[in-house]
C-alpha atoms as a PDB file:
ATOM      1  CA  MET A   1     215.638 148.056 124.507  1.00  0.00           C
ATOM      2  CA  ASN A   2     216.172 145.854 121.426  1.00  0.00           C
ATOM      3  CA  THR A   3     216.708 142.220 120.524  1.00  0.00           C
ATOM      4  CA  VAL A   4     217.343 140.281 117.308  1.00  0.00           C
ATOM      5  CA  LYS A   5     214.589 138.847 115.099  1.00  0.00           C
ATOM      6  CA  ASN A   6     216.165 135.637 113.804  1.00  0.00           C
ATOM      7  CA  GLU A   7     218.765 133.006 114.466  1.00  0.00           C
ATOM      8  CA  THR A   8     221.502 133.338 111.862  1.00  0.00           C
ATOM      9  CA  VAL A   9     225.140 132.638 110.959  1.00  0.00           C
ATOM     10  CA  ILE A  10     227.697 134.940 109.351  1.00  0.00           C
ATOM     11  CA  GLU A  11     231.188 134.160 108.083  1.00  0.00           C
ATOM     12  CA  PHE A  12     234.232 136.107 106.882  1.00  0.00           C
ATOM     13  CA  GLU A  13     237.992 135.695 106.548  1.00  0.00           C
ATOM     14  CA  GLU A  14     240.726 138.001 107.822  1.00  0.00           C
ATOM     15  CA  LYS A  15     244.415 137.238 107.093  1.00  0.00           C
ATOM     16  CA  LYS A  16     243.600 133.542 106.602  1.00  0.00           C
ATOM     17  CA  SER A  17     241.724 133.329 109.954  1.00  0.00           C
ATOM     18  CA  LYS A  18     238.129 132.231 109.472  1.00  0.00           C
ATOM     19  CA  PHE A  19     235.507 133.911 111.696  1.00  0.00           C
ATOM     20  CA  LEU A  20     231.976 132.553 112.102  1.00  0.00           C
ATOM     21  CA  GLY A  21     229.276 134.358 114.079  1.00  0.00           C
ATOM     22  CA  TYR A  22     226.272 132.465 115.455  1.00  0.00           C
ATOM     23  CA  ILE A  23     223.453 134.507 116.984  1.00  0.00           C
ATOM     24  CA  LYS A  24     220.047 133.599 118.374  1.00  0.00           C
ATOM     25  CA  PRO A  25     217.245 135.422 120.229  1.00  0.00           C
ATOM     26  CA  VAL A  26     216.716 133.733 123.627  1.00  0.00           C
ATOM     27  CA  ASN A  27     214.377 134.138 126.613  1.00  0.00           C
ATOM     28  CA  SER A  28     216.395 132.556 129.420  1.00  0.00           C
ATOM     29  CA  VAL A  29     219.943 131.939 130.637  1.00  0.00           C
ATOM     30  CA  LYS A  30     219.318 128.199 130.263  1.00  0.00           C
ATOM     31  CA  GLU A  31     218.320 128.636 126.599  1.00  0.00           C
ATOM     32  CA  ALA A  32     221.401 130.841 125.979  1.00  0.00           C
ATOM     33  CA  GLU A  33     223.788 128.342 127.571  1.00  0.00           C
ATOM     34  CA  LYS A  34     222.229 125.465 125.605  1.00  0.00           C
ATOM     35  CA  PHE A  35     222.749 127.364 122.317  1.00  0.00           C
ATOM     36  CA  ILE A  36     226.366 128.218 123.212  1.00  0.00           C
ATOM     37  CA  ASN A  37     227.129 124.579 124.090  1.00  0.00           C
ATOM     38  CA  GLU A  38     225.571 123.387 120.801  1.00  0.00           C
ATOM     39  CA  ILE A  39     227.802 125.757 118.802  1.00  0.00           C
ATOM     40  CA  LYS A  40     230.918 124.695 120.747  1.00  0.00           C
ATOM     41  CA  ALA A  41     230.017 121.045 120.044  1.00  0.00           C
ATOM     42  CA  MET A  42     229.744 121.868 116.300  1.00  0.00           C
ATOM     43  CA  HIS A  43     233.291 123.295 116.306  1.00  0.00           C
ATOM     44  CA  PRO A  44     235.424 121.208 118.693  1.00  0.00           C
ATOM     45  CA  ASN A  45     238.544 121.862 116.577  1.00  0.00           C
ATOM     46  CA  ALA A  46     238.115 125.643 116.381  1.00  0.00           C
ATOM     47  CA  THR A  47     240.951 127.701 117.831  1.00  0.00           C
ATOM     48  CA  HIS A  48     238.409 129.738 119.843  1.00  0.00           C
ATOM     49  CA  ASN A  49     234.653 129.687 120.497  1.00  0.00           C
ATOM     50  CA  VAL A  50     233.979 133.026 122.193  1.00  0.00           C
ATOM     51  CA  PRO A  51     230.596 132.910 124.011  1.00  0.00           C
ATOM     52  CA  LEU A  52     228.369 135.787 125.036  1.00  0.00           C
ATOM     53  CA  TYR A  53     224.827 136.179 126.283  1.00  0.00           C
ATOM     54  CA  ARG A  54     222.760 139.049 127.601  1.00  0.00           C
ATOM     55  CA  VAL A  55     219.408 138.039 129.039  1.00  0.00           C
ATOM     56  CA  VAL A  56     216.738 139.775 131.093  1.00  0.00           C
ATOM     57  CA  GLU A  57     214.953 137.053 133.043  1.00  0.00           C
ATOM     58  CA  ASN A  58     212.430 137.757 135.808  1.00  0.00           C
ATOM     59  CA  GLY A  59     213.515 141.414 135.937  1.00  0.00           C
ATOM     60  CA  GLN A  60     217.207 140.507 136.440  1.00  0.00           C
ATOM     61  CA  GLU A  61     219.896 141.122 133.794  1.00  0.00           C
ATOM     62  CA  TYR A  62     222.481 138.411 133.122  1.00  0.00           C
ATOM     63  CA  PHE A  63     225.393 139.552 130.925  1.00  0.00           C
ATOM     64  CA  LYS A  64     228.177 136.995 130.552  1.00  0.00           C
ATOM     65  CA  TYR A  65     231.110 136.639 128.161  1.00  0.00           C
ATOM     66  CA  ASN A  66     234.748 135.567 128.111  1.00  0.00           C
ATOM     67  CA  ASP A  67     237.713 135.557 125.720  1.00  0.00           C
ATOM     68  CA  ASP A  68     238.006 131.745 125.384  1.00  0.00           C
ATOM     69  CA  GLY A  69     241.803 131.831 125.376  1.00  0.00           C
ATOM     70  CA  GLU A  70     242.305 134.985 123.291  1.00  0.00           C
ATOM     71  CA  PRO A  71     244.373 137.726 125.005  1.00  0.00           C
ATOM     72  CA  SER A  72     242.410 139.484 127.767  1.00  0.00           C
ATOM     73  CA  SER A  73     239.648 141.837 126.555  1.00  0.00           C
ATOM     74  CA  THR A  74     240.302 141.220 122.834  1.00  0.00           C
ATOM     75  CA  ALA A  75     237.302 138.982 122.055  1.00  0.00           C
ATOM     76  CA  GLY A  76     234.337 138.879 124.476  1.00  0.00           C
ATOM     77  CA  LYS A  77     234.557 142.513 125.544  1.00  0.00           C
ATOM     78  CA  PRO A  78     234.488 144.027 122.007  1.00  0.00           C
ATOM     79  CA  MET A  79     231.456 141.848 121.193  1.00  0.00           C
ATOM     80  CA  ALA A  80     229.760 142.951 124.432  1.00  0.00           C
ATOM     81  CA  GLU A  81     230.409 146.596 123.518  1.00  0.00           C
ATOM     82  CA  ILE A  82     228.518 146.121 120.232  1.00  0.00           C
ATOM     83  CA  LEU A  83     225.499 144.831 122.191  1.00  0.00           C
ATOM     84  CA  ASN A  84     225.776 147.807 124.585  1.00  0.00           C
ATOM     85  CA  ILE A  85     225.965 150.336 121.757  1.00  0.00           C
ATOM     86  CA  LEU A  86     222.990 148.792 119.926  1.00  0.00           C
ATOM     87  CA  ASP A  87     221.025 148.222 123.188  1.00  0.00           C
ATOM     88  CA  ILE A  88     220.563 144.493 122.389  1.00  0.00           C
ATOM     89  CA  TYR A  89     219.143 142.114 125.023  1.00  0.00           C
ATOM     90  CA  ASN A  90     217.874 138.518 125.144  1.00  0.00           C
ATOM     91  CA  VAL A  91     220.486 137.229 122.756  1.00  0.00           C
ATOM     92  CA  ALA A  92     223.149 134.511 122.672  1.00  0.00           C
ATOM     93  CA  LEU A  93     226.192 134.907 120.435  1.00  0.00           C
ATOM     94  CA  VAL A  94     229.226 132.743 119.675  1.00  0.00           C
ATOM     95  CA  ALA A  95     232.186 133.901 117.596  1.00  0.00           C
ATOM     96  CA  THR A  96     234.111 130.892 116.306  1.00  0.00           C
ATOM     97  CA  ARG A  97     237.656 131.460 115.025  1.00  0.00           C
ATOM     98  CA  TYR A  98     239.886 129.108 113.083  1.00  0.00           C
ATOM     99  CA  PHE A  99     243.450 130.489 113.217  1.00  0.00           C
ATOM    100  CA  GLY A 100     244.950 130.898 109.746  1.00  0.00           C
ATOM    101  CA  GLY A 101     248.631 131.157 110.669  1.00  0.00           C
ATOM    102  CA  ILE A 102     248.952 134.952 110.619  1.00  0.00           C
ATOM    103  CA  LYS A 103     248.731 136.749 113.962  1.00  0.00           C
ATOM    104  CA  LEU A 104     246.234 139.618 113.990  1.00  0.00           C
ATOM    105  CA  GLY A 105     247.586 141.452 117.050  1.00  0.00           C
ATOM    106  CA  ALA A 106     245.398 142.826 119.849  1.00  0.00           C
ATOM    107  CA  GLY A 107     243.923 145.593 117.665  1.00  0.00           C
ATOM    108  CA  GLY A 108     243.129 143.139 114.862  1.00  0.00           C
ATOM    109  CA  LEU A 109     241.445 140.747 117.289  1.00  0.00           C
ATOM    110  CA  ILE A 110     239.340 143.537 118.823  1.00  0.00           C
ATOM    111  CA  ARG A 111     238.269 144.795 115.380  1.00  0.00           C
ATOM    112  CA  ASN A 112     237.417 141.334 114.055  1.00  0.00           C
ATOM    113  CA  TYR A 113     235.480 140.115 117.094  1.00  0.00           C
ATOM    114  CA  ALA A 114     233.526 143.403 117.141  1.00  0.00           C
ATOM    115  CA  LYS A 115     232.954 142.948 113.388  1.00  0.00           C
ATOM    116  CA  THR A 116     231.669 139.398 113.985  1.00  0.00           C
ATOM    117  CA  ALA A 117     229.119 140.662 116.531  1.00  0.00           C
ATOM    118  CA  LYS A 118     228.057 143.620 114.353  1.00  0.00           C
ATOM    119  CA  LEU A 119     227.611 141.487 111.204  1.00  0.00           C
ATOM    120  CA  ALA A 120     225.691 138.813 113.145  1.00  0.00           C
ATOM    121  CA  VAL A 121     223.338 141.378 114.733  1.00  0.00           C
ATOM    122  CA  ASN A 122     222.744 143.112 111.390  1.00  0.00           C
ATOM    123  CA  GLU A 123     222.092 139.807 109.599  1.00  0.00           C
ATOM    124  CA  ALA A 124     219.693 138.642 112.348  1.00  0.00           C
ATOM    125  CA  GLY A 125     217.818 141.964 112.216  1.00  0.00           C
ATOM    126  CA  ILE A 126     217.156 144.322 115.120  1.00  0.00           C
ATOM    127  CA  THR A 127     213.681 144.634 116.559  1.00  0.00           C
ATOM    128  CA  GLU A 128     212.202 146.258 119.649  1.00  0.00           C
ATOM    129  CA  TYR A 129     212.361 143.869 122.607  1.00  0.00           C
ATOM    130  CA  ARG A 130     209.009 142.945 124.101  1.00  0.00           C
ATOM    131  CA  GLU A 131     208.842 140.693 127.111  1.00  0.00           C
ATOM    132  CA  ARG A 132     206.976 137.474 126.370  1.00  0.00           C
ATOM    133  CA  ALA A 133     204.895 135.229 128.629  1.00  0.00           C
ATOM    134  CA  VAL A 134     203.713 131.621 128.304  1.00  0.00           C
ATOM    135  CA  PHE A 135     200.183 130.469 129.145  1.00  0.00           C
ATOM    136  CA  ILE A 136     198.115 127.316 128.944  1.00  0.00           C
ATOM    137  CA  LEU A 137     194.524 127.958 127.865  1.00  0.00           C
ATOM    138  CA  ASP A 138     191.813 125.343 128.237  1.00  0.00           C
ATOM    139  CA  TYR A 139     188.424 125.838 126.548  1.00  0.00           C
ATOM    140  CA  ASP A 140     185.411 124.116 125.038  1.00  0.00           C
ATOM    141  CA  TYR A 141     185.272 123.163 121.338  1.00  0.00           C
ATOM    142  CA  SER A 142     182.422 125.644 120.814  1.00  0.00           C
ATOM    143  CA  MET A 143     184.944 128.480 121.358  1.00  0.00           C
ATOM    144  CA  THR A 144     187.370 127.310 118.631  1.00  0.00           C
ATOM    145  CA  SER A 145     186.663 130.009 116.015  1.00  0.00           C
ATOM    146  CA  ASP A 146     186.614 132.810 118.622  1.00  0.00           C
ATOM    147  CA  MET A 147     189.951 131.640 120.056  1.00  0.00           C
ATOM    148  CA  GLU A 148     191.572 131.222 116.626  1.00  0.00           C
ATOM    149  CA  SER A 149     190.470 134.754 115.765  1.00  0.00           C
ATOM    150  CA  PHE A 150     191.892 136.042 119.088  1.00  0.00           C
ATOM    151  CA  PHE A 151     195.236 134.288 118.424  1.00  0.00           C
ATOM    152  CA  ALA A 152     195.547 135.670 114.897  1.00  0.00           C
ATOM    153  CA  LYS A 153     194.639 139.223 115.952  1.00  0.00           C
ATOM    154  CA  ASN A 154     197.086 139.353 118.893  1.00  0.00           C
ATOM    155  CA  ASP A 155     200.412 137.938 117.642  1.00  0.00           C
ATOM    156  CA  VAL A 156     200.008 134.743 119.673  1.00  0.00           C
ATOM    157  CA  LYS A 157     202.514 131.958 119.011  1.00  0.00           C
ATOM    158  CA  ILE A 158     201.001 128.499 119.510  1.00  0.00           C
ATOM    159  CA  ILE A 159     203.570 126.182 121.076  1.00  0.00           C
ATOM    160  CA  GLU A 160     201.444 123.093 121.628  1.00  0.00           C
ATOM    161  CA  GLN A 161     197.810 121.972 121.155  1.00  0.00           C
ATOM    162  CA  ASN A 162     195.866 119.060 122.655  1.00  0.00           C
ATOM    163  CA  TYR A 163     192.374 117.982 121.657  1.00  0.00           C
ATOM    164  CA  LEU A 164     190.698 115.808 124.291  1.00  0.00           C
ATOM    165  CA  ASP A 165     187.390 116.499 126.075  1.00  0.00           C
ATOM    166  CA  ARG A 166     188.345 120.170 125.731  1.00  0.00           C
ATOM    167  CA  ILE A 167     191.003 122.048 123.787  1.00  0.00           C
ATOM    168  CA  SER A 168     194.209 122.815 125.629  1.00  0.00           C
ATOM    169  CA  VAL A 169     196.666 125.242 123.998  1.00  0.00           C
ATOM    170  CA  LYS A 170     200.104 126.325 125.202  1.00  0.00           C
ATOM    171  CA  ILE A 171     200.839 129.823 123.849  1.00  0.00           C
ATOM    172  CA  GLU A 172     203.484 132.528 123.964  1.00  0.00           C
ATOM    173  CA  THR A 173     202.566 136.195 123.643  1.00  0.00           C
ATOM    174  CA  ASP A 174     203.561 139.677 124.792  1.00  0.00           C
ATOM    175  CA  LYS A 175     203.527 140.033 128.574  1.00  0.00           C
ATOM    176  CA  GLU A 176     201.186 143.065 128.227  1.00  0.00           C
ATOM    177  CA  MET A 177     198.483 140.666 126.989  1.00  0.00           C
ATOM    178  CA  GLU A 178     198.268 138.978 130.415  1.00  0.00           C
ATOM    179  CA  SER A 179     195.223 140.865 131.726  1.00  0.00           C
ATOM    180  CA  GLU A 180     193.401 140.470 128.402  1.00  0.00           C
ATOM    181  CA  ILE A 181     194.063 136.714 128.390  1.00  0.00           C
ATOM    182  CA  GLU A 182     192.974 136.301 132.010  1.00  0.00           C
ATOM    183  CA  ALA A 183     189.728 138.173 131.198  1.00  0.00           C
ATOM    184  CA  LEU A 184     188.677 135.664 128.495  1.00  0.00           C
ATOM    185  CA  ASN A 185     185.234 134.253 129.356  1.00  0.00           C
ATOM    186  CA  GLY A 186     184.899 130.473 129.548  1.00  0.00           C
ATOM    187  CA  VAL A 187     188.656 129.904 129.349  1.00  0.00           C
ATOM    188  CA  ILE A 188     190.776 128.345 132.078  1.00  0.00           C
ATOM    189  CA  VAL A 189     194.097 130.237 132.094  1.00  0.00           C
ATOM    190  CA  VAL A 190     197.348 129.035 133.662  1.00  0.00           C
ATOM    191  CA  LYS A 191     200.383 131.317 133.498  1.00  0.00           C
ATOM    192  CA  LEU A 192     203.687 129.476 133.325  1.00  0.00           C
END
């Protein structure tokens, strides 16, 4: 199972039609839908904004796409097939098309929407998908260097930090780290 590394944008022209591909790694359906709506808002005058997301959330797969007014199965489905072939999950993708006056035909649409997805995935970079989890850790100031060392060693992404009577840190890390995090001595752990 794979995902993409980075959020990115690609662009190309085919018979005067301009195609833009927006892709982003996501962790939830809500995050995917928010991204898709942001892209649609950026291009209100586009001829088509073809949305697609494929998300595994709480063990359930959500795979949704449509043709946004293009002839049936000529836009969303070819993009979905690229994700199937490349085994890509936890991604949101929007193919924006500005019609250039020359009809591409069903075959041309299928090729160009598939090309949009393939270029976007390649530009974003493919990486092995690893399920992530979010935790809040609360610990005493005396543990600061030990915790910073633990974070650096274990690919921990710090989302938020608060320094009050104690240090409170919201982190994101691989789900496999859960037992190791819960075993930390002197740390209050809350899984979100």
